[in-house]
Protein backbone atom coordinates (compact mmCIF):
# COMPACT_ATOMS: atom_id res chain seq x y z
CA MET A 1 5.96 -1.48 -15.69
CA HIS A 2 8.00 -4.52 -16.70
CA THR A 3 7.09 -7.84 -15.12
CA ASN A 4 8.81 -11.13 -15.69
CA GLU A 5 7.26 -14.55 -15.06
CA LEU A 6 8.57 -18.06 -14.58
CA THR A 7 6.50 -21.21 -14.10
CA LEU A 8 7.92 -23.96 -11.88
CA THR A 9 6.77 -27.54 -11.59
CA THR A 10 6.42 -28.31 -7.88
CA PRO A 11 4.87 -30.97 -5.63
CA VAL A 12 1.78 -28.72 -5.33
CA GLY A 13 1.47 -28.30 -9.10
CA PRO A 14 2.71 -25.49 -11.32
CA LEU A 15 3.55 -22.22 -9.60
CA THR A 16 4.00 -19.02 -11.57
CA LEU A 17 6.49 -16.62 -10.02
CA VAL A 18 6.15 -12.95 -10.94
CA ALA A 19 8.99 -10.45 -10.50
CA GLU A 20 8.94 -6.72 -10.97
CA ARG A 21 11.60 -4.06 -10.35
CA GLY A 22 14.01 -6.33 -8.49
CA ALA A 23 11.54 -8.14 -6.22
CA LEU A 24 9.16 -11.08 -6.18
CA VAL A 25 5.62 -9.63 -6.28
CA ALA A 26 3.38 -12.68 -6.72
CA ILE A 27 3.19 -16.44 -6.66
CA ARG A 28 0.17 -17.85 -8.49
CA PHE A 29 -1.04 -21.42 -8.56
CA GLY A 30 -1.09 -22.67 -12.15
CA ALA A 31 1.00 -22.09 -15.24
CA GLY A 32 1.58 -18.55 -16.46
CA GLY A 33 3.09 -16.97 -19.50
CA PRO A 34 6.38 -18.21 -20.93
CA THR A 35 9.66 -16.62 -19.92
CA ALA A 36 12.70 -17.22 -22.08
CA VAL A 37 15.36 -16.31 -19.52
CA PRO A 38 14.53 -15.85 -15.83
CA ASP A 39 15.91 -12.68 -14.30
CA THR A 40 18.08 -12.79 -11.18
CA ILE A 41 15.13 -12.46 -8.79
CA LEU A 42 13.16 -15.23 -10.50
CA ALA A 43 16.21 -17.49 -10.53
CA GLN A 44 16.74 -16.88 -6.80
CA ALA A 45 13.04 -17.45 -6.01
CA ALA A 46 12.97 -20.65 -8.06
CA ARG A 47 16.10 -21.98 -6.35
CA GLU A 48 14.76 -21.15 -2.89
CA LEU A 49 11.38 -22.78 -3.61
CA GLU A 50 13.10 -25.90 -4.96
CA GLU A 51 15.20 -26.06 -1.77
CA TYR A 52 12.06 -25.55 0.34
CA PHE A 53 10.24 -28.42 -1.40
CA ALA A 54 13.35 -30.62 -0.98
CA GLY A 55 13.22 -29.93 2.78
CA ASP A 56 16.52 -28.02 2.69
CA ARG A 57 15.25 -24.44 3.25
CA THR A 58 13.25 -23.08 6.17
CA ARG A 59 13.50 -19.32 5.43
CA PHE A 60 13.24 -17.36 2.21
CA THR A 61 15.63 -14.50 1.44
CA VAL A 62 14.40 -13.43 -2.01
CA PRO A 63 13.41 -9.73 -1.98
CA LEU A 64 9.62 -9.26 -1.80
CA ARG A 65 7.36 -6.36 -2.70
CA PHE A 66 3.67 -6.17 -1.94
CA PRO A 67 1.32 -4.42 -4.37
CA PRO A 68 0.75 -0.71 -3.87
CA GLY A 69 -2.41 0.30 -2.07
CA ILE A 70 -2.43 -2.66 0.32
CA SER A 71 -4.02 -1.78 3.63
CA PRO A 72 -1.77 -1.39 6.67
CA PHE A 73 -3.84 -4.11 8.36
CA ARG A 74 -3.05 -6.70 5.66
CA LEU A 75 0.62 -5.76 5.83
CA ARG A 76 0.57 -6.33 9.61
CA VAL A 77 -1.01 -9.77 9.14
CA TRP A 78 1.50 -10.72 6.43
CA GLU A 79 4.38 -9.60 8.67
CA ALA A 80 2.96 -11.71 11.50
CA LEU A 81 2.79 -14.72 9.15
CA GLY A 82 6.52 -14.33 8.55
CA GLY A 83 7.07 -14.66 12.30
CA ILE A 84 5.47 -18.11 12.52
CA PRO A 85 8.39 -20.55 12.71
CA TYR A 86 8.91 -23.19 10.04
CA GLY A 87 6.93 -26.31 10.92
CA ALA A 88 4.76 -24.51 13.50
CA VAL A 89 1.12 -23.54 13.20
CA ARG A 90 -1.06 -20.85 14.75
CA THR A 91 -4.82 -20.67 14.74
CA TYR A 92 -6.69 -17.79 13.16
CA GLY A 93 -7.86 -16.94 16.69
CA GLU A 94 -4.33 -16.88 18.15
CA LEU A 95 -3.10 -14.60 15.39
CA ALA A 96 -6.20 -12.41 15.74
CA ARG A 97 -5.65 -11.99 19.48
CA ALA A 98 -2.00 -11.07 18.93
CA LEU A 99 -3.04 -8.44 16.36
CA GLY A 100 -6.10 -7.18 18.23
CA THR A 101 -8.59 -8.16 15.54
CA SER A 102 -11.00 -10.95 14.59
CA PRO A 103 -10.22 -14.41 13.21
CA ARG A 104 -12.37 -13.61 10.15
CA ALA A 105 -10.25 -10.52 9.39
CA VAL A 106 -7.07 -12.59 9.69
CA GLY A 107 -8.57 -15.19 7.34
CA GLY A 108 -9.40 -12.50 4.80
CA ALA A 109 -5.84 -11.17 4.88
CA CYS A 110 -4.45 -14.70 4.53
CA ARG A 111 -6.74 -15.35 1.55
CA ALA A 112 -5.47 -12.14 -0.12
CA ASN A 113 -1.78 -13.04 0.38
CA PRO A 114 -0.09 -12.51 -3.03
CA LEU A 115 2.99 -14.54 -2.03
CA PRO A 116 1.78 -17.89 -0.65
CA ILE A 117 4.41 -20.32 0.62
CA VAL A 118 7.06 -17.57 0.90
CA VAL A 119 4.73 -15.59 3.19
CA PRO A 120 3.52 -18.70 5.04
CA CYS A 121 -0.26 -18.30 5.32
CA HIS A 122 -0.46 -22.12 5.20
CA ARG A 123 0.79 -22.13 8.82
CA VAL A 124 -2.50 -20.58 10.01
CA VAL A 125 -5.18 -23.16 10.74
CA ALA A 126 -8.69 -23.27 12.11
CA ARG A 127 -9.27 -24.21 15.74
CA SER A 128 -10.68 -27.52 14.51
CA GLY A 129 -9.24 -28.45 11.12
CA LEU A 130 -7.14 -26.87 8.44
CA GLY A 131 -9.22 -23.86 7.49
CA GLY A 132 -8.91 -22.30 4.04
CA TYR A 133 -5.88 -21.57 1.93
CA ALA A 134 -4.87 -18.67 -0.33
CA GLY A 135 -4.21 -20.73 -3.40
CA ASP A 136 -6.01 -22.87 -5.90
CA TRP A 137 -9.64 -22.00 -5.05
CA GLU A 138 -10.90 -22.65 -8.57
CA ARG A 139 -9.83 -26.28 -8.65
CA GLY A 140 -10.88 -26.93 -5.06
CA ALA A 141 -7.46 -28.28 -4.10
CA ALA A 142 -6.65 -25.61 -1.52
CA GLY A 143 -7.01 -27.98 1.43
CA SER A 144 -4.75 -30.60 -0.11
CA VAL A 145 -2.10 -27.96 -0.92
CA LYS A 146 -2.17 -26.62 2.64
CA ARG A 147 -1.99 -30.16 4.05
CA LEU A 148 0.95 -31.05 1.79
CA LEU A 149 2.89 -27.92 2.85
CA LEU A 150 2.29 -28.58 6.55
CA GLU A 151 3.27 -32.25 6.17
CA LEU A 152 6.43 -31.27 4.27
CA GLU A 153 7.46 -28.92 7.06
CA ALA A 154 6.64 -31.46 9.78
CA ARG A 155 8.76 -34.14 8.02
CA SER A 156 11.68 -31.78 7.47
CA ARG A 157 11.73 -30.71 11.12
CA GLY A 158 11.61 -34.22 12.51
């Protein structure tokens, strides 16, 4: 299986975009392997992320593909994340009630999200505070990344 990667410099640090068979399949925090020439999907994803960080894009249109073998439950949570409007937030509890599950299960699905930012798990917060975030656990900057994304969206809306 042929994958192609591109690393972008963004306000939340380097993001590595991974494309495979005509779709974006992952966004990882940190620098990845070098790519000489980005394919069409990576070029589109990079452009859309740059527009998002500039405050000029509120929806992503790049084709996405989730990894095979993902549970139907996680797919339902990730679809629900896509329905949270730009600049809005939902609590883990609110999303859990809408999906008929527990806040902990929603948090686990958010943490496993392979496409952070584009599938906006950062818009799900704890009842009191930010809660966790899918990216950057190793460096401990997850909270600051989530806060930056929420602040960016709040500024762009206002």
